[in-house]
C-alpha atoms as a PDB file:
ATOM      1  CA  MET A   1      -0.046  -0.149   0.056  1.00  0.00           C
ATOM      2  CA  ALA A   2       2.726   2.486   0.835  1.00  0.00           C
ATOM      3  CA  GLN A   3       4.370   1.862  -2.553  1.00  0.00           C
ATOM      4  CA  TYR A   4       1.168   2.341  -4.226  1.00  0.00           C
ATOM      5  CA  MET A   5       0.243   5.519  -2.582  1.00  0.00           C
ATOM      6  CA  ASN A   6       3.567   6.868  -3.558  1.00  0.00           C
ATOM      7  CA  CYS A   7       3.463   6.025  -7.271  1.00  0.00           C
ATOM      8  CA  GLY A   8       2.061   7.660 -10.481  1.00  0.00           C
ATOM      9  CA  THR A   9       2.263  11.357 -11.422  1.00  0.00           C
ATOM     10  CA  ASP A  10       2.557  14.015  -8.788  1.00  0.00           C
ATOM     11  CA  ASP A  11      -0.989  14.902  -8.884  1.00  0.00           C
ATOM     12  CA  GLN A  12      -1.943  11.426  -8.185  1.00  0.00           C
ATOM     13  CA  ARG A  13       0.193  10.582  -5.399  1.00  0.00           C
ATOM     14  CA  SER A  14      -0.997  10.794  -1.720  1.00  0.00           C
ATOM     15  CA  ASP A  15      -0.119  13.974   0.266  1.00  0.00           C
ATOM     16  CA  PHE A  16       1.247  11.697   3.128  1.00  0.00           C
ATOM     17  CA  PHE A  17       1.186   7.992   4.278  1.00  0.00           C
ATOM     18  CA  ALA A  18       0.749   6.756   7.984  1.00  0.00           C
ATOM     19  CA  PHE A  19       0.359   3.427   9.543  1.00  0.00           C
ATOM     20  CA  ASN A  20      -0.329   1.840  13.099  1.00  0.00           C
ATOM     21  CA  ASP A  21       2.637   0.423  14.846  1.00  0.00           C
ATOM     22  CA  TYR A  22       2.364  -1.209  18.402  1.00  0.00           C
ATOM     23  CA  SER A  23       5.450  -3.382  17.961  1.00  0.00           C
ATOM     24  CA  TRP A  24       7.480  -1.303  20.693  1.00  0.00           C
ATOM     25  CA  CYS A  25       6.332  -2.640  24.019  1.00  0.00           C
ATOM     26  CA  ASP A  26       8.258  -1.604  26.958  1.00  0.00           C
ATOM     27  CA  PRO A  27      10.851  -2.508  27.956  1.00  0.00           C
ATOM     28  CA  SER A  28      12.244  -2.479  24.432  1.00  0.00           C
ATOM     29  CA  SER A  29      14.651  -0.550  22.260  1.00  0.00           C
ATOM     30  CA  PHE A  30      14.912   0.836  18.708  1.00  0.00           C
ATOM     31  CA  THR A  31      16.436  -2.204  17.473  1.00  0.00           C
ATOM     32  CA  GLN A  32      14.743  -4.778  19.493  1.00  0.00           C
ATOM     33  CA  SER A  33      11.183  -3.426  18.387  1.00  0.00           C
ATOM     34  CA  GLY A  34      12.324  -3.756  14.830  1.00  0.00           C
ATOM     35  CA  TRP A  35      11.920   0.077  14.188  1.00  0.00           C
ATOM     36  CA  ASP A  36      15.433   0.247  12.944  1.00  0.00           C
ATOM     37  CA  GLN A  37      14.557  -2.012   9.949  1.00  0.00           C
ATOM     38  CA  LYS A  38      11.232   0.079   9.262  1.00  0.00           C
ATOM     39  CA  VAL A  39      13.381   3.187   9.148  1.00  0.00           C
ATOM     40  CA  GLU A  40      15.791   1.512   6.656  1.00  0.00           C
ATOM     41  CA  LYS A  41      12.776   0.112   4.683  1.00  0.00           C
ATOM     42  CA  PHE A  42      11.260   3.696   4.358  1.00  0.00           C
ATOM     43  CA  SER A  43      14.685   5.456   3.945  1.00  0.00           C
ATOM     44  CA  ASN A  44      13.915   6.465   0.311  1.00  0.00           C
ATOM     45  CA  TYR A  45      10.338   7.101   0.741  1.00  0.00           C
ATOM     46  CA  SER A  46       9.451  10.471  -0.630  1.00  0.00           C
ATOM     47  CA  LEU A  47       6.068  11.263   1.122  1.00  0.00           C
ATOM     48  CA  PRO A  48       5.754  12.634   4.526  1.00  0.00           C
ATOM     49  CA  LEU A  49       5.420   9.542   6.926  1.00  0.00           C
ATOM     50  CA  PHE A  50       4.260   9.268  10.504  1.00  0.00           C
ATOM     51  CA  LEU A  51       2.583   6.578  12.723  1.00  0.00           C
ATOM     52  CA  SER A  52      -1.309   7.019  12.937  1.00  0.00           C
ATOM     53  CA  GLU A  53      -1.384   4.997  16.230  1.00  0.00           C
ATOM     54  CA  TYR A  54       1.315   3.794  18.736  1.00  0.00           C
ATOM     55  CA  GLY A  55       1.592   3.011  22.287  1.00  0.00           C
ATOM     56  CA  CYS A  56       1.781  -0.694  23.112  1.00  0.00           C
ATOM     57  CA  ILE A  57      -0.142  -1.619  26.483  1.00  0.00           C
ATOM     58  CA  THR A  58       1.110  -4.977  26.596  1.00  0.00           C
ATOM     59  CA  ASN A  59       3.512  -4.156  29.548  1.00  0.00           C
ATOM     60  CA  GLU A  60       3.521  -0.770  31.572  1.00  0.00           C
ATOM     61  CA  ARG A  61       3.651   1.994  29.354  1.00  0.00           C
ATOM     62  CA  LYS A  62       7.014   3.977  29.685  1.00  0.00           C
ATOM     63  CA  PHE A  63       6.718   5.675  26.247  1.00  0.00           C
ATOM     64  CA  ASN A  64      10.455   5.067  25.763  1.00  0.00           C
ATOM     65  CA  GLU A  65       9.811   4.871  21.886  1.00  0.00           C
ATOM     66  CA  VAL A  66       9.192   8.689  22.062  1.00  0.00           C
ATOM     67  CA  SER A  67      13.030   9.215  22.476  1.00  0.00           C
ATOM     68  CA  ALA A  68      13.711   7.251  19.244  1.00  0.00           C
ATOM     69  CA  LEU A  69      10.772   8.786  17.212  1.00  0.00           C
ATOM     70  CA  TYR A  70      12.077  12.389  17.739  1.00  0.00           C
ATOM     71  CA  SER A  71      15.642  11.612  17.480  1.00  0.00           C
ATOM     72  CA  ASP A  72      17.963  11.840  14.452  1.00  0.00           C
ATOM     73  CA  LYS A  73      17.623   7.994  14.074  1.00  0.00           C
ATOM     74  CA  MET A  74      14.069   8.433  12.611  1.00  0.00           C
ATOM     75  CA  THR A  75      13.294  12.183  11.865  1.00  0.00           C
ATOM     76  CA  SER A  76      14.833  11.942   8.472  1.00  0.00           C
ATOM     77  CA  VAL A  77      12.135   9.322   7.597  1.00  0.00           C
ATOM     78  CA  TYR A  78       9.359   9.765  10.060  1.00  0.00           C
ATOM     79  CA  SER A  79       7.285  12.870  11.012  1.00  0.00           C
ATOM     80  CA  GLY A  80       6.403  11.803  14.276  1.00  0.00           C
ATOM     81  CA  GLY A  81       3.217  10.123  15.483  1.00  0.00           C
ATOM     82  CA  LEU A  82      -0.074   9.864  17.374  1.00  0.00           C
ATOM     83  CA  VAL A  83      -0.362   8.290  20.527  1.00  0.00           C
ATOM     84  CA  TYR A  84      -3.455   5.996  20.899  1.00  0.00           C
ATOM     85  CA  GLU A  85      -5.679   7.172  22.570  1.00  0.00           C
ATOM     86  CA  TYR A  86      -6.696  10.282  24.320  1.00  0.00           C
ATOM     87  CA  ALA A  87     -10.061   9.285  25.881  1.00  0.00           C
ATOM     88  CA  GLU A  88     -10.387   5.861  27.518  1.00  0.00           C
ATOM     89  CA  GLU A  89     -13.083   3.886  25.687  1.00  0.00           C
ATOM     90  CA  GLY A  90     -12.729   0.632  27.592  1.00  0.00           C
ATOM     91  CA  SER A  91      -9.817  -0.843  25.811  1.00  0.00           C
ATOM     92  CA  GLY A  92      -7.153   0.506  28.152  1.00  0.00           C
ATOM     93  CA  TYR A  93      -5.439   2.885  25.910  1.00  0.00           C
ATOM     94  CA  GLY A  94      -6.919   6.038  27.121  1.00  0.00           C
ATOM     95  CA  LEU A  95      -4.593   8.707  28.669  1.00  0.00           C
ATOM     96  CA  VAL A  96      -7.718  10.378  30.263  1.00  0.00           C
ATOM     97  CA  LYS A  97     -11.072   9.629  31.493  1.00  0.00           C
ATOM     98  CA  ILE A  98     -14.091  11.621  30.740  1.00  0.00           C
ATOM     99  CA  ASN A  99     -17.221  11.583  32.643  1.00  0.00           C
ATOM    100  CA  GLY A 100     -19.698  14.091  31.600  1.00  0.00           C
ATOM    101  CA  ASP A 101     -18.033  17.477  31.763  1.00  0.00           C
ATOM    102  CA  SER A 102     -15.214  16.139  34.049  1.00  0.00           C
ATOM    103  CA  VAL A 103     -11.866  15.071  32.732  1.00  0.00           C
ATOM    104  CA  SER A 104      -9.527  13.122  34.913  1.00  0.00           C
ATOM    105  CA  GLU A 105      -5.745  12.052  33.931  1.00  0.00           C
ATOM    106  CA  ASN A 106      -4.557   8.534  34.050  1.00  0.00           C
ATOM    107  CA  SER A 107      -1.133   7.681  34.934  1.00  0.00           C
ATOM    108  CA  ASP A 108      -0.206   7.183  31.259  1.00  0.00           C
ATOM    109  CA  PHE A 109      -0.823  11.001  30.628  1.00  0.00           C
ATOM    110  CA  SER A 110       1.948  12.258  32.899  1.00  0.00           C
ATOM    111  CA  THR A 111       4.280   9.438  31.657  1.00  0.00           C
ATOM    112  CA  LEU A 112       3.756  10.577  28.072  1.00  0.00           C
ATOM    113  CA  ALA A 113       3.968  14.291  29.076  1.00  0.00           C
ATOM    114  CA  ASP A 114       7.354  13.554  30.639  1.00  0.00           C
ATOM    115  CA  ALA A 115       8.463  11.742  27.578  1.00  0.00           C
ATOM    116  CA  PHE A 116       7.578  14.622  25.349  1.00  0.00           C
ATOM    117  CA  SER A 117       9.169  17.170  27.640  1.00  0.00           C
ATOM    118  CA  ASN A 118      12.343  15.108  27.696  1.00  0.00           C
ATOM    119  CA  ASN A 119      12.402  14.616  24.144  1.00  0.00           C
ATOM    120  CA  LYS A 120      11.942  17.944  22.112  1.00  0.00           C
ATOM    121  CA  ALA A 121      10.783  17.958  18.402  1.00  0.00           C
ATOM    122  CA  PRO A 122      13.688  18.572  16.017  1.00  0.00           C
ATOM    123  CA  SER A 123      14.210  21.885  14.538  1.00  0.00           C
ATOM    124  CA  GLY A 124      13.878  22.555  10.956  1.00  0.00           C
ATOM    125  CA  ASP A 125      12.793  19.688   8.761  1.00  0.00           C
ATOM    126  CA  GLY A 126      14.567  16.983  10.759  1.00  0.00           C
ATOM    127  CA  GLY A 127      16.728  16.099   7.816  1.00  0.00           C
ATOM    128  CA  TYR A 128      13.770  15.160   5.526  1.00  0.00           C
ATOM    129  CA  GLN A 129      14.713  14.233   1.986  1.00  0.00           C
ATOM    130  CA  SER A 130      12.942  16.749  -0.036  1.00  0.00           C
ATOM    131  CA  ASP A 131      14.367  15.454  -3.508  1.00  0.00           C
ATOM    132  CA  GLY A 132      12.674  11.993  -3.354  1.00  0.00           C
ATOM    133  CA  LYS A 133      11.214  10.372  -6.324  1.00  0.00           C
ATOM    134  CA  ALA A 134       7.909   8.648  -6.756  1.00  0.00           C
ATOM    135  CA  SER A 135       7.913   4.873  -6.089  1.00  0.00           C
ATOM    136  CA  GLU A 136       7.369   2.309  -8.869  1.00  0.00           C
ATOM    137  CA  CYS A 137       3.659   1.313  -9.018  1.00  0.00           C
ATOM    138  CA  PRO A 138       3.191  -2.456  -7.994  1.00  0.00           C
ATOM    139  CA  SER A 139       2.268  -4.954 -10.682  1.00  0.00           C
ATOM    140  CA  LYS A 140      -0.980  -6.592 -10.588  1.00  0.00           C
ATOM    141  CA  SER A 141      -0.864  -9.602  -8.671  1.00  0.00           C
ATOM    142  CA  ASP A 142      -3.117 -12.167  -6.571  1.00  0.00           C
ATOM    143  CA  THR A 143      -2.670 -10.024  -3.566  1.00  0.00           C
ATOM    144  CA  TRP A 144      -2.808  -6.754  -5.499  1.00  0.00           C
ATOM    145  CA  GLU A 145      -5.855  -6.531  -7.864  1.00  0.00           C
ATOM    146  CA  VAL A 146      -5.067  -2.954  -9.234  1.00  0.00           C
ATOM    147  CA  GLU A 147      -4.696  -2.255 -12.674  1.00  0.00           C
ATOM    148  CA  ASP A 148      -3.905   1.041 -14.579  1.00  0.00           C
ATOM    149  CA  PHE A 149      -6.832   3.738 -14.716  1.00  0.00           C
ATOM    150  CA  THR A 150      -8.864   3.502 -17.931  1.00  0.00           C
ATOM    151  CA  GLY A 151     -11.940   5.433 -17.191  1.00  0.00           C
ATOM    152  CA  GLN A 152     -12.916   8.839 -16.094  1.00  0.00           C
ATOM    153  CA  GLN A 153     -10.619  11.595 -15.186  1.00  0.00           C
ATOM    154  CA  LEU A 154      -9.669  11.963 -11.521  1.00  0.00           C
ATOM    155  CA  PRO A 155     -10.347  15.274  -9.615  1.00  0.00           C
ATOM    156  CA  ALA A 156      -7.311  17.307  -9.267  1.00  0.00           C
ATOM    157  CA  ILE A 157      -5.868  18.829  -6.303  1.00  0.00           C
ATOM    158  CA  PRO A 158      -7.117  22.669  -6.083  1.00  0.00           C
ATOM    159  CA  GLU A 159      -4.312  25.175  -7.023  1.00  0.00           C
ATOM    160  CA  LYS A 160      -4.312  26.904  -3.846  1.00  0.00           C
ATOM    161  CA  ALA A 161      -4.024  23.531  -1.802  1.00  0.00           C
ATOM    162  CA  LYS A 162      -1.241  22.654  -4.306  1.00  0.00           C
ATOM    163  CA  GLN A 163       0.508  25.970  -3.329  1.00  0.00           C
ATOM    164  CA  TYR A 164       0.015  25.444   0.304  1.00  0.00           C
ATOM    165  CA  MET A 165       1.474  21.940   0.270  1.00  0.00           C
ATOM    166  CA  LYS A 166       4.365  23.356  -1.545  1.00  0.00           C
ATOM    167  CA  ASP A 167       5.192  26.550   0.323  1.00  0.00           C
ATOM    168  CA  GLY A 168       3.347  25.940   3.455  1.00  0.00           C
ATOM    169  CA  ALA A 169       0.925  28.250   5.293  1.00  0.00           C
ATOM    170  CA  GLY A 170       3.264  30.958   6.315  1.00  0.00           C
ATOM    171  CA  LYS A 171       2.196  33.323   9.089  1.00  0.00           C
ATOM    172  CA  GLY A 172      -1.467  32.861  10.181  1.00  0.00           C
ATOM    173  CA  PRO A 173      -3.720  35.618   8.728  1.00  0.00           C
ATOM    174  CA  GLY A 174      -6.671  35.052  11.007  1.00  0.00           C
ATOM    175  CA  LEU A 175     -10.249  34.689  10.030  1.00  0.00           C
ATOM    176  CA  ASP A 176     -10.484  37.691   7.834  1.00  0.00           C
ATOM    177  CA  GLY A 177      -8.355  39.460   4.913  1.00  0.00           C
ATOM    178  CA  ASP A 178      -6.012  38.109   2.279  1.00  0.00           C
ATOM    179  CA  GLY A 179      -4.774  34.699   2.768  1.00  0.00           C
ATOM    180  CA  SER A 180      -7.691  33.900   5.520  1.00  0.00           C
ATOM    181  CA  GLN A 181     -10.063  30.894   5.401  1.00  0.00           C
ATOM    182  CA  ASN A 182     -12.636  33.124   3.667  1.00  0.00           C
ATOM    183  CA  ALA A 183     -10.448  34.583   1.140  1.00  0.00           C
ATOM    184  CA  GLY A 184      -9.776  33.454  -2.382  1.00  0.00           C
ATOM    185  CA  SER A 185     -11.872  31.731  -5.035  1.00  0.00           C
ATOM    186  CA  ALA A 186     -12.692  27.964  -5.650  1.00  0.00           C
ATOM    187  CA  SER A 187     -10.758  25.819  -8.062  1.00  0.00           C
ATOM    188  CA  VAL A 188     -12.060  22.802  -9.936  1.00  0.00           C
ATOM    189  CA  SER A 189     -10.220  20.815 -12.417  1.00  0.00           C
ATOM    190  CA  THR A 190      -9.372  17.370 -13.413  1.00  0.00           C
ATOM    191  CA  ALA A 191      -6.185  15.385 -13.396  1.00  0.00           C
ATOM    192  CA  THR A 192      -4.877  13.228 -16.165  1.00  0.00           C
ATOM    193  CA  PRO A 193      -5.219   9.431 -15.487  1.00  0.00           C
ATOM    194  CA  GLY A 194      -1.781   7.781 -14.801  1.00  0.00           C
ATOM    195  CA  SER A 195      -0.021   4.730 -13.725  1.00  0.00           C
ATOM    196  CA  GLY A 196      -1.130   5.049  -9.937  1.00  0.00           C
ATOM    197  CA  SER A 197      -4.933   4.972 -10.331  1.00  0.00           C
ATOM    198  CA  VAL A 198      -7.497   2.332  -9.863  1.00  0.00           C
ATOM    199  CA  THR A 199      -9.281   0.873 -12.808  1.00  0.00           C
ATOM    200  CA  ALA A 200     -12.812   2.351 -12.813  1.00  0.00           C
ATOM    201  CA  VAL A 201     -14.553  -0.155 -15.175  1.00  0.00           C
ATOM    202  CA  ALA A 202     -18.079  -1.367 -14.117  1.00  0.00           C
ATOM    203  CA  SER A 203     -19.527  -4.515 -15.406  1.00  0.00           C
ATOM    204  CA  ASN A 204     -22.951  -4.087 -16.753  1.00  0.00           C
ATOM    205  CA  THR A 205     -24.657  -7.540 -16.111  1.00  0.00           C
ATOM    206  CA  ALA A 206     -28.208  -8.870 -15.757  1.00  0.00           C
ATOM    207  CA  THR A 207     -29.490 -12.308 -14.747  1.00  0.00           C
ATOM    208  CA  GLY A 208     -31.293 -14.326 -17.139  1.00  0.00           C
ATOM    209  CA  GLY A 209     -30.093 -12.660 -20.311  1.00  0.00           C
ATOM    210  CA  SER A 210     -28.618  -9.639 -21.575  1.00  0.00           C
ATOM    211  CA  SER A 211     -27.774  -8.097 -24.889  1.00  0.00           C
ATOM    212  CA  SER A 212     -24.589  -6.474 -26.387  1.00  0.00           C
ATOM    213  CA  SER A 213     -24.306  -4.066 -29.445  1.00  0.00           C
ATOM    214  CA  SER A 214     -21.489  -3.202 -31.751  1.00  0.00           C
ATOM    215  CA  SER A 215     -21.212  -1.257 -35.120  1.00  0.00           C
ATOM    216  CA  SER A 216     -22.276  -4.244 -36.945  1.00  0.00           C
ATOM    217  CA  GLY A 217     -25.594  -4.824 -35.270  1.00  0.00           C
ATOM    218  CA  SER A 218     -26.907  -6.469 -32.115  1.00  0.00           C
ATOM    219  CA  SER A 219     -27.055  -9.857 -30.692  1.00  0.00           C
ATOM    220  CA  SER A 220     -28.770 -11.545 -27.772  1.00  0.00           C
ATOM    221  CA  SER A 221     -27.859 -14.625 -25.825  1.00  0.00           C
ATOM    222  CA  SER A 222     -29.609 -16.756 -23.097  1.00  0.00           C
ATOM    223  CA  GLY A 223     -26.634 -16.579 -20.929  1.00  0.00           C
ATOM    224  CA  SER A 224     -24.981 -13.587 -19.255  1.00  0.00           C
ATOM    225  CA  ALA A 225     -22.838 -11.056 -21.054  1.00  0.00           C
ATOM    226  CA  SER A 226     -20.928  -8.080 -19.807  1.00  0.00           C
ATOM    227  CA  SER A 227     -19.836  -4.735 -21.331  1.00  0.00           C
ATOM    228  CA  SER A 228     -17.833  -1.812 -20.129  1.00  0.00           C
ATOM    229  CA  ALA A 229     -20.201   0.863 -18.753  1.00  0.00           C
ATOM    230  CA  SER A 230     -19.959   4.112 -16.741  1.00  0.00           C
ATOM    231  CA  PRO A 231     -20.606   3.770 -12.831  1.00  0.00           C
ATOM    232  CA  ALA A 232     -23.875   5.699 -13.583  1.00  0.00           C
ATOM    233  CA  SER A 233     -25.303   3.235 -16.250  1.00  0.00           C
ATOM    234  CA  ALA A 234     -23.959   0.292 -14.395  1.00  0.00           C
ATOM    235  CA  ALA A 235     -25.926   1.246 -11.201  1.00  0.00           C
ATOM    236  CA  GLN A 236     -29.060   1.857 -13.368  1.00  0.00           C
ATOM    237  CA  SER A 237     -28.675  -1.675 -15.011  1.00  0.00           C
ATOM    238  CA  LEU A 238     -28.110  -3.140 -11.641  1.00  0.00           C
ATOM    239  CA  ILE A 239     -31.199  -1.715 -10.218  1.00  0.00           C
ATOM    240  CA  ALA A 240     -33.245  -3.002 -13.066  1.00  0.00           C
ATOM    241  CA  GLY A 241     -31.633  -6.255 -13.020  1.00  0.00           C
ATOM    242  CA  ASP A 242     -32.246  -6.763  -9.271  1.00  0.00           C
ATOM    243  CA  LEU A 243     -35.890  -5.734  -9.703  1.00  0.00           C
ATOM    244  CA  GLY A 244     -36.885  -6.917 -13.095  1.00  0.00           C
ATOM    245  CA  PHE A 245     -40.548  -7.885 -13.313  1.00  0.00           C
ATOM    246  CA  ALA A 246     -41.007  -9.403 -10.042  1.00  0.00           C
ATOM    247  CA  PRO A 247     -42.598  -6.596  -8.199  1.00  0.00           C
ATOM    248  CA  PHE A 248     -45.247  -6.431 -11.125  1.00  0.00           C
ATOM    249  CA  ALA A 249     -45.904 -10.040 -11.160  1.00  0.00           C
ATOM    250  CA  CYS A 250     -46.587 -10.073  -7.242  1.00  0.00           C
ATOM    251  CA  GLY A 251     -48.747  -7.111  -7.687  1.00  0.00           C
ATOM    252  CA  ALA A 252     -50.683  -8.837 -10.524  1.00  0.00           C
ATOM    253  CA  VAL A 253     -51.252 -11.955  -8.233  1.00  0.00           C
ATOM    254  CA  VAL A 254     -52.388 -10.001  -5.278  1.00  0.00           C
ATOM    255  CA  LEU A 255     -54.962  -8.082  -7.538  1.00  0.00           C
ATOM    256  CA  PHE A 256     -56.383 -11.124  -9.180  1.00  0.00           C
ATOM    257  CA  SER A 257     -56.666 -12.828  -5.726  1.00  0.00           C
ATOM    258  CA  SER A 258     -58.477  -9.848  -4.422  1.00  0.00           C
ATOM    259  CA  LEU A 259     -60.957  -9.743  -7.571  1.00  0.00           C
ATOM    260  CA  PHE A 260     -61.473 -13.513  -7.268  1.00  0.00           C
ATOM    261  CA  GLY A 261     -62.229 -13.483  -3.574  1.00  0.00           C
ATOM    262  CA  ALA A 262     -64.653 -10.535  -4.075  1.00  0.00           C
ATOM    263  CA  ALA A 263     -66.395 -12.539  -6.947  1.00  0.00           C
ATOM    264  CA  LEU A 264     -66.962 -15.385  -4.395  1.00  0.00           C
ATOM    265  CA  LEU A 265     -68.649 -13.206  -2.023  1.00  0.00           C
END
């Protein structure tokens, strides 16, 4: 998945990639947890990468992984991570307990706060490789059923959003004025399909028989046939295929039964 999200043209690649990692369970280390191998694996990855969840609870939480995550061992590859989770939901991961309007800290809260306090975030870009290249798109296989995009065009990233991703937000302008959240105009365009897109081809099938047409004429068969169709037409044919004449037949039976019963009376 990481390879796929980073392949194709620039306007098709993801803005970032993240994954959950609970492999560091204290007491552990950078090498014992296998995090060193993951850093090596993603060393040439060109998208911003972070942990969408971390914080193993198999043993007592010490959050020693914070020291590695924000050290020069990892900052050139990883952009930090998100500890799971803020509010306790019965799984034992919560940093705080919420009861109505009341919030109380669990012991993990202060442990994590100390870990962050003792391991400051890196200055600058942390050694991020800004000249990274796109990954090669994975080939279709039994475990990766993705082909080249051959259908409709994809929506392109808005021009202002593209500028933001390239140049950053700069100084916050507030809610009003130039550069604020209410300034500027909408930007709508499409992107050229490339090698990083999923095939969007729908099958137009109907049970009990279907027909297909070509420039030389039309033909029908008693079996099922399929043809390439837009998502809209595929959905329409699916509805027709699912319903067919069954509702009308049932309605006719009910009507006939009612009339027959009335005649007997």
